Amino acid sequence: MKYKIVVNRDACVACGVAPNLCPQVFVLGDDNGKTRVVDEYSKTTTEEKSTGEIPEDQYDCAKEAAESCPVQAITIEEIQ
């Protein structure tokens, strides 16, 4: 099972919660300081959005980070 991660970087306030809770999946970007998916799992990254795919073993970590985001800028969905 794989999961699609989307970080709405326009909504992100760069508080660092996601990278702190789940550094295997999220990092603050060098470009604008906002959260993005790490290179290992990244598909596309722009100033507005970062998307990626993670394996099932990273889901719990990513879900905790998404749920802890104060502006709900991270979504996760199962890939069929």
PDB file of N, CA and C in Angstrom:
ATOM      1  N   MET A   1       0.842  -1.184   0.000  1.00  0.00           N
ATOM      2  CA  MET A   1       0.000   0.000   0.000  1.00  0.00           C
ATOM      3  C   MET A   1       0.884   1.243   0.000  1.00  0.00           C
ATOM      4  N   LYS A   2       0.508   2.211  -0.845  1.00  0.00           N
ATOM      5  CA  LYS A   2       1.207   3.488  -0.875  1.00  0.00           C
ATOM      6  C   LYS A   2       0.204   4.597  -0.594  1.00  0.00           C
ATOM      7  N   TYR A   3       0.755   5.741  -0.184  1.00  0.00           N
ATOM      8  CA  TYR A   3      -0.073   6.892   0.150  1.00  0.00           C
ATOM      9  C   TYR A   3       0.460   8.135  -0.537  1.00  0.00           C
ATOM     10  N   LYS A   4      -0.467   8.950  -1.018  1.00  0.00           N
ATOM     11  CA  LYS A   4      -0.117  10.226  -1.634  1.00  0.00           C
ATOM     12  C   LYS A   4      -0.154  11.303  -0.555  1.00  0.00           C
ATOM     13  N   ILE A   5       0.908  12.084  -0.485  1.00  0.00           N
ATOM     14  CA  ILE A   5       1.027  13.194   0.458  1.00  0.00           C
ATOM     15  C   ILE A   5       0.986  14.489  -0.346  1.00  0.00           C
ATOM     16  N   VAL A   6       0.199  15.445   0.124  1.00  0.00           N
ATOM     17  CA  VAL A   6       0.186  16.773  -0.485  1.00  0.00           C
ATOM     18  C   VAL A   6       0.353  17.805   0.622  1.00  0.00           C
ATOM     19  N   VAL A   7       1.358  18.657   0.452  1.00  0.00           N
ATOM     20  CA  VAL A   7       1.567  19.771   1.374  1.00  0.00           C
ATOM     21  C   VAL A   7       1.181  21.045   0.633  1.00  0.00           C
ATOM     22  N   ASN A   8       0.182  21.740   1.168  1.00  0.00           N
ATOM     23  CA  ASN A   8      -0.226  23.032   0.619  1.00  0.00           C
ATOM     24  C   ASN A   8       0.734  24.074   1.187  1.00  0.00           C
ATOM     25  N   ARG A   9       1.739  24.400   0.416  1.00  0.00           N
ATOM     26  CA  ARG A   9       2.780  25.300   0.900  1.00  0.00           C
ATOM     27  C   ARG A   9       2.307  26.746   0.984  1.00  0.00           C
ATOM     28  N   ASP A  10       1.223  27.078   0.254  1.00  0.00           N
ATOM     29  CA  ASP A  10       0.635  28.411   0.394  1.00  0.00           C
ATOM     30  C   ASP A  10       0.035  28.580   1.786  1.00  0.00           C
ATOM     31  N   ALA A  11      -0.572  27.512   2.302  1.00  0.00           N
ATOM     32  CA  ALA A  11      -1.206  27.564   3.626  1.00  0.00           C
ATOM     33  C   ALA A  11      -0.191  27.377   4.757  1.00  0.00           C
ATOM     34  N   CYS A  12       0.910  26.705   4.471  1.00  0.00           N
ATOM     35  CA  CYS A  12       1.928  26.389   5.483  1.00  0.00           C
ATOM     36  C   CYS A  12       2.459  27.663   6.141  1.00  0.00           C
ATOM     37  N   VAL A  13       2.596  27.597   7.472  1.00  0.00           N
ATOM     38  CA  VAL A  13       3.139  28.731   8.213  1.00  0.00           C
ATOM     39  C   VAL A  13       4.580  28.479   8.676  1.00  0.00           C
ATOM     40  N   ALA A  14       5.187  27.397   8.191  1.00  0.00           N
ATOM     41  CA  ALA A  14       6.592  27.068   8.469  1.00  0.00           C
ATOM     42  C   ALA A  14       6.891  26.956   9.960  1.00  0.00           C
ATOM     43  N   CYS A  15       5.948  26.374  10.713  1.00  0.00           N
ATOM     44  CA  CYS A  15       6.134  26.236  12.159  1.00  0.00           C
ATOM     45  C   CYS A  15       7.082  25.093  12.514  1.00  0.00           C
ATOM     46  N   GLY A  16       7.294  24.151  11.590  1.00  0.00           N
ATOM     47  CA  GLY A  16       8.231  23.060  11.823  1.00  0.00           C
ATOM     48  C   GLY A  16       7.647  21.837  12.509  1.00  0.00           C
ATOM     49  N   VAL A  17       6.338  21.823  12.766  1.00  0.00           N
ATOM     50  CA  VAL A  17       5.720  20.689  13.459  1.00  0.00           C
ATOM     51  C   VAL A  17       5.906  19.388  12.669  1.00  0.00           C
ATOM     52  N   ALA A  18       5.556  19.387  11.394  1.00  0.00           N
ATOM     53  CA  ALA A  18       5.647  18.152  10.593  1.00  0.00           C
ATOM     54  C   ALA A  18       7.085  17.625  10.502  1.00  0.00           C
ATOM     55  N   PRO A  19       8.064  18.469  10.158  1.00  0.00           N
ATOM     56  CA  PRO A  19       9.443  17.959  10.117  1.00  0.00           C
ATOM     57  C   PRO A  19       9.944  17.469  11.470  1.00  0.00           C
ATOM     58  N   ASN A  20       9.488  18.080  12.545  1.00  0.00           N
ATOM     59  CA  ASN A  20       9.910  17.629  13.875  1.00  0.00           C
ATOM     60  C   ASN A  20       9.293  16.293  14.245  1.00  0.00           C
ATOM     61  N   LEU A  21       8.020  16.087  13.897  1.00  0.00           N
ATOM     62  CA  LEU A  21       7.335  14.839  14.233  1.00  0.00           C
ATOM     63  C   LEU A  21       7.685  13.694  13.284  1.00  0.00           C
ATOM     64  N   CYS A  22       7.969  14.027  12.027  1.00  0.00           N
ATOM     65  CA  CYS A  22       8.196  12.988  11.020  1.00  0.00           C
ATOM     66  C   CYS A  22       9.288  13.416  10.024  1.00  0.00           C
ATOM     67  N   PRO A  23      10.533  13.488  10.492  1.00  0.00           N
ATOM     68  CA  PRO A  23      11.620  13.939   9.610  1.00  0.00           C
ATOM     69  C   PRO A  23      11.937  12.964   8.476  1.00  0.00           C
ATOM     70  N   GLN A  24      11.426  11.726   8.568  1.00  0.00           N
ATOM     71  CA  GLN A  24      11.627  10.766   7.485  1.00  0.00           C
ATOM     72  C   GLN A  24      10.843  11.170   6.234  1.00  0.00           C
ATOM     73  N   VAL A  25       9.766  11.965   6.417  1.00  0.00           N
ATOM     74  CA  VAL A  25       8.877  12.318   5.303  1.00  0.00           C
ATOM     75  C   VAL A  25       8.885  13.815   4.995  1.00  0.00           C
ATOM     76  N   PHE A  26       9.048  14.655   6.023  1.00  0.00           N
ATOM     77  CA  PHE A  26       8.928  16.104   5.829  1.00  0.00           C
ATOM     78  C   PHE A  26      10.206  16.842   6.220  1.00  0.00           C
ATOM     79  N   VAL A  27      10.432  17.960   5.528  1.00  0.00           N
ATOM     80  CA  VAL A  27      11.573  18.829   5.804  1.00  0.00           C
ATOM     81  C   VAL A  27      11.141  20.265   5.476  1.00  0.00           C
ATOM     82  N   LEU A  28      11.769  21.233   6.149  1.00  0.00           N
ATOM     83  CA  LEU A  28      11.532  22.626   5.761  1.00  0.00           C
ATOM     84  C   LEU A  28      12.380  22.895   4.522  1.00  0.00           C
ATOM     85  N   GLY A  29      11.767  23.434   3.489  1.00  0.00           N
ATOM     86  CA  GLY A  29      12.437  23.633   2.205  1.00  0.00           C
ATOM     87  C   GLY A  29      13.487  24.727   2.225  1.00  0.00           C
ATOM     88  N   ASP A  30      14.528  24.530   1.438  1.00  0.00           N
ATOM     89  CA  ASP A  30      15.580  25.534   1.274  1.00  0.00           C
ATOM     90  C   ASP A  30      15.078  26.728   0.465  1.00  0.00           C
ATOM     91  N   ASP A  31      14.043  26.504  -0.344  1.00  0.00           N
ATOM     92  CA  ASP A  31      13.564  27.547  -1.250  1.00  0.00           C
ATOM     93  C   ASP A  31      12.782  28.650  -0.538  1.00  0.00           C
ATOM     94  N   ASN A  32      11.777  28.256   0.276  1.00  0.00           N
ATOM     95  CA  ASN A  32      10.961  29.278   0.929  1.00  0.00           C
ATOM     96  C   ASN A  32      10.762  29.023   2.428  1.00  0.00           C
ATOM     97  N   GLY A  33      11.450  28.018   2.964  1.00  0.00           N
ATOM     98  CA  GLY A  33      11.369  27.737   4.389  1.00  0.00           C
ATOM     99  C   GLY A  33      10.123  27.005   4.837  1.00  0.00           C
ATOM    100  N   LYS A  34       9.273  26.626   3.880  1.00  0.00           N
ATOM    101  CA  LYS A  34       8.028  25.943   4.215  1.00  0.00           C
ATOM    102  C   LYS A  34       8.173  24.436   4.026  1.00  0.00           C
ATOM    103  N   THR A  35       7.318  23.694   4.705  1.00  0.00           N
ATOM    104  CA  THR A  35       7.386  22.231   4.683  1.00  0.00           C
ATOM    105  C   THR A  35       7.223  21.679   3.277  1.00  0.00           C
ATOM    106  N   ARG A  36       8.007  20.639   2.997  1.00  0.00           N
ATOM    107  CA  ARG A  36       7.885  19.892   1.746  1.00  0.00           C
ATOM    108  C   ARG A  36       8.174  18.427   2.039  1.00  0.00           C
ATOM    109  N   VAL A  37       7.865  17.573   1.069  1.00  0.00           N
ATOM    110  CA  VAL A  37       8.173  16.152   1.174  1.00  0.00           C
ATOM    111  C   VAL A  37       9.667  15.964   0.895  1.00  0.00           C
ATOM    112  N   VAL A  38      10.328  15.110   1.678  1.00  0.00           N
ATOM    113  CA  VAL A  38      11.764  14.864   1.475  1.00  0.00           C
ATOM    114  C   VAL A  38      12.019  14.296   0.083  1.00  0.00           C
ATOM    115  N   ASP A  39      13.230  14.489  -0.412  1.00  0.00           N
ATOM    116  CA  ASP A  39      13.581  14.065  -1.769  1.00  0.00           C
ATOM    117  C   ASP A  39      13.275  12.600  -2.040  1.00  0.00           C
ATOM    118  N   GLU A  40      13.509  11.747  -1.059  1.00  0.00           N
ATOM    119  CA  GLU A  40      13.309  10.308  -1.242  1.00  0.00           C
ATOM    120  C   GLU A  40      11.885   9.963  -1.684  1.00  0.00           C
ATOM    121  N   TYR A  41      10.905  10.702  -1.203  1.00  0.00           N
ATOM    122  CA  TYR A  41       9.498  10.410  -1.504  1.00  0.00           C
ATOM    123  C   TYR A  41       8.831  11.461  -2.380  1.00  0.00           C
ATOM    124  N   SER A  42       9.537  12.519  -2.717  1.00  0.00           N
ATOM    125  CA  SER A  42       8.957  13.635  -3.464  1.00  0.00           C
ATOM    126  C   SER A  42       8.673  13.284  -4.922  1.00  0.00           C
ATOM    127  N   LYS A  43       7.546  13.784  -5.410  1.00  0.00           N
ATOM    128  CA  LYS A  43       7.202  13.676  -6.836  1.00  0.00           C
ATOM    129  C   LYS A  43       7.354  15.043  -7.499  1.00  0.00           C
ATOM    130  N   THR A  44       6.755  16.084  -6.898  1.00  0.00           N
ATOM    131  CA  THR A  44       6.887  17.450  -7.401  1.00  0.00           C
ATOM    132  C   THR A  44       6.904  18.414  -6.232  1.00  0.00           C
ATOM    133  N   THR A  45       7.660  19.488  -6.382  1.00  0.00           N
ATOM    134  CA  THR A  45       7.676  20.541  -5.376  1.00  0.00           C
ATOM    135  C   THR A  45       7.727  21.889  -6.082  1.00  0.00           C
ATOM    136  N   THR A  46       6.757  22.739  -5.733  1.00  0.00           N
ATOM    137  CA  THR A  46       6.743  24.119  -6.203  1.00  0.00           C
ATOM    138  C   THR A  46       6.613  24.996  -4.960  1.00  0.00           C
ATOM    139  N   GLU A  47       6.595  26.295  -5.156  1.00  0.00           N
ATOM    140  CA  GLU A  47       6.408  27.185  -4.008  1.00  0.00           C
ATOM    141  C   GLU A  47       5.024  27.009  -3.411  1.00  0.00           C
ATOM    142  N   GLU A  48       4.050  26.576  -4.223  1.00  0.00           N
ATOM    143  CA  GLU A  48       2.667  26.441  -3.764  1.00  0.00           C
ATOM    144  C   GLU A  48       2.334  25.075  -3.188  1.00  0.00           C
ATOM    145  N   LYS A  49       3.000  24.013  -3.689  1.00  0.00           N
ATOM    146  CA  LYS A  49       2.596  22.659  -3.314  1.00  0.00           C
ATOM    147  C   LYS A  49       3.767  21.689  -3.402  1.00  0.00           C
ATOM    148  N   SER A  50       3.756  20.713  -2.498  1.00  0.00           N
ATOM    149  CA  SER A  50       4.731  19.617  -2.543  1.00  0.00           C
ATOM    150  C   SER A  50       3.945  18.314  -2.494  1.00  0.00           C
ATOM    151  N   THR A  51       4.197  17.436  -3.437  1.00  0.00           N
ATOM    152  CA  THR A  51       3.505  16.147  -3.460  1.00  0.00           C
ATOM    153  C   THR A  51       4.526  15.022  -3.436  1.00  0.00           C
ATOM    154  N   GLY A  52       4.088  13.894  -2.900  1.00  0.00           N
ATOM    155  CA  GLY A  52       4.963  12.739  -2.844  1.00  0.00           C
ATOM    156  C   GLY A  52       4.178  11.475  -2.586  1.00  0.00           C
ATOM    157  N   GLU A  53       4.889  10.357  -2.612  1.00  0.00           N
ATOM    158  CA  GLU A  53       4.305   9.050  -2.313  1.00  0.00           C
ATOM    159  C   GLU A  53       5.153   8.382  -1.245  1.00  0.00           C
ATOM    160  N   ILE A  54       4.461   7.865  -0.225  1.00  0.00           N
ATOM    161  CA  ILE A  54       5.171   7.193   0.859  1.00  0.00           C
ATOM    162  C   ILE A  54       4.703   5.751   0.970  1.00  0.00           C
ATOM    163  N   PRO A  55       5.583   4.863   1.437  1.00  0.00           N
ATOM    164  CA  PRO A  55       5.190   3.480   1.680  1.00  0.00           C
ATOM    165  C   PRO A  55       4.385   3.378   2.976  1.00  0.00           C
ATOM    166  N   GLU A  56       3.731   2.262   3.142  1.00  0.00           N
ATOM    167  CA  GLU A  56       2.863   2.042   4.300  1.00  0.00           C
ATOM    168  C   GLU A  56       3.595   2.204   5.631  1.00  0.00           C
ATOM    169  N   ASP A  57       4.874   1.824   5.674  1.00  0.00           N
ATOM    170  CA  ASP A  57       5.596   1.904   6.946  1.00  0.00           C
ATOM    171  C   ASP A  57       5.854   3.344   7.410  1.00  0.00           C
ATOM    172  N   GLN A  58       5.617   4.329   6.553  1.00  0.00           N
ATOM    173  CA  GLN A  58       5.770   5.740   6.937  1.00  0.00           C
ATOM    174  C   GLN A  58       4.425   6.409   7.229  1.00  0.00           C
ATOM    175  N   TYR A  59       3.332   5.669   7.034  1.00  0.00           N
ATOM    176  CA  TYR A  59       1.991   6.259   7.154  1.00  0.00           C
ATOM    177  C   TYR A  59       1.695   6.821   8.546  1.00  0.00           C
ATOM    178  N   ASP A  60       1.937   6.057   9.598  1.00  0.00           N
ATOM    179  CA  ASP A  60       1.587   6.506  10.948  1.00  0.00           C
ATOM    180  C   ASP A  60       2.316   7.803  11.317  1.00  0.00           C
ATOM    181  N   CYS A  61       3.566   7.861  10.978  1.00  0.00           N
ATOM    182  CA  CYS A  61       4.374   9.053  11.237  1.00  0.00           C
ATOM    183  C   CYS A  61       3.814  10.260  10.465  1.00  0.00           C
ATOM    184  N   ALA A  62       3.554  10.069   9.184  1.00  0.00           N
ATOM    185  CA  ALA A  62       3.035  11.152   8.339  1.00  0.00           C
ATOM    186  C   ALA A  62       1.648  11.585   8.797  1.00  0.00           C
ATOM    187  N   LYS A  63       0.819  10.629   9.199  1.00  0.00           N
ATOM    188  CA  LYS A  63      -0.539  10.935   9.657  1.00  0.00           C
ATOM    189  C   LYS A  63      -0.488  11.784  10.929  1.00  0.00           C
ATOM    190  N   GLU A  64       0.380  11.431  11.863  1.00  0.00           N
ATOM    191  CA  GLU A  64       0.522  12.216  13.084  1.00  0.00           C
ATOM    192  C   GLU A  64       0.948  13.645  12.754  1.00  0.00           C
ATOM    193  N   ALA A  65       1.882  13.794  11.833  1.00  0.00           N
ATOM    194  CA  ALA A  65       2.343  15.124  11.434  1.00  0.00           C
ATOM    195  C   ALA A  65       1.216  15.915  10.777  1.00  0.00           C
ATOM    196  N   ALA A  66       0.465  15.270   9.892  1.00  0.00           N
ATOM    197  CA  ALA A  66      -0.649  15.947   9.207  1.00  0.00           C
ATOM    198  C   ALA A  66      -1.701  16.395  10.212  1.00  0.00           C
ATOM    199  N   GLU A  67      -2.026  15.534  11.152  1.00  0.00           N
ATOM    200  CA  GLU A  67      -3.044  15.866  12.154  1.00  0.00           C
ATOM    201  C   GLU A  67      -2.570  16.949  13.116  1.00  0.00           C
ATOM    202  N   SER A  68      -1.269  17.090  13.283  1.00  0.00           N
ATOM    203  CA  SER A  68      -0.706  18.091  14.192  1.00  0.00           C
ATOM    204  C   SER A  68      -0.476  19.442  13.528  1.00  0.00           C
ATOM    205  N   CYS A  69      -0.577  19.496  12.212  1.00  0.00           N
ATOM    206  CA  CYS A  69      -0.365  20.755  11.488  1.00  0.00           C
ATOM    207  C   CYS A  69      -1.429  21.769  11.922  1.00  0.00           C
ATOM    208  N   PRO A  70      -1.006  22.924  12.444  1.00  0.00           N
ATOM    209  CA  PRO A  70      -1.975  23.891  12.968  1.00  0.00           C
ATOM    210  C   PRO A  70      -2.861  24.540  11.903  1.00  0.00           C
ATOM    211  N   VAL A  71      -2.442  24.491  10.645  1.00  0.00           N
ATOM    212  CA  VAL A  71      -3.247  25.088   9.575  1.00  0.00           C
ATOM    213  C   VAL A  71      -3.784  24.038   8.601  1.00  0.00           C
ATOM    214  N   GLN A  72      -3.659  22.771   8.972  1.00  0.00           N
ATOM    215  CA  GLN A  72      -4.166  21.647   8.173  1.00  0.00           C
ATOM    216  C   GLN A  72      -3.706  21.723   6.711  1.00  0.00           C
ATOM    217  N   ALA A  73      -2.413  21.958   6.538  1.00  0.00           N
ATOM    218  CA  ALA A  73      -1.847  22.112   5.200  1.00  0.00           C
ATOM    219  C   ALA A  73      -1.402  20.795   4.574  1.00  0.00           C
ATOM    220  N   ILE A  74      -1.535  19.678   5.301  1.00  0.00           N
ATOM    221  CA  ILE A  74      -1.057  18.385   4.805  1.00  0.00           C
ATOM    222  C   ILE A  74      -2.224  17.415   4.667  1.00  0.00           C
ATOM    223  N   THR A  75      -2.344  16.809   3.492  1.00  0.00           N
ATOM    224  CA  THR A  75      -3.363  15.780   3.281  1.00  0.00           C
ATOM    225  C   THR A  75      -2.686  14.478   2.867  1.00  0.00           C
ATOM    226  N   ILE A  76      -3.318  13.374   3.242  1.00  0.00           N
ATOM    227  CA  ILE A  76      -2.810  12.056   2.901  1.00  0.00           C
ATOM    228  C   ILE A  76      -3.972  11.239   2.373  1.00  0.00           C
ATOM    229  N   GLU A  77      -3.749  10.558   1.261  1.00  0.00           N
ATOM    230  CA  GLU A  77      -4.787   9.673   0.743  1.00  0.00           C
ATOM    231  C   GLU A  77      -4.164   8.384   0.215  1.00  0.00           C
ATOM    232  N   GLU A  78      -4.930   7.323   0.353  1.00  0.00           N
ATOM    233  CA  GLU A  78      -4.488   6.022  -0.108  1.00  0.00           C
ATOM    234  C   GLU A  78      -4.460   6.003  -1.634  1.00  0.00           C
ATOM    235  N   ILE A  79      -3.430   5.392  -2.203  1.00  0.00           N
ATOM    236  CA  ILE A  79      -3.347   5.239  -3.649  1.00  0.00           C
ATOM    237  C   ILE A  79      -3.891   3.866  -4.009  1.00  0.00           C
ATOM    238  N   GLN A  80      -4.882   3.857  -4.857  1.00  0.00           N
ATOM    239  CA  GLN A  80      -5.514   2.586  -5.282  1.00  0.00           C
ATOM    240  C   GLN A  80      -4.707   1.919  -6.370  1.00  0.00           C
TER     241      GLN A  80
END
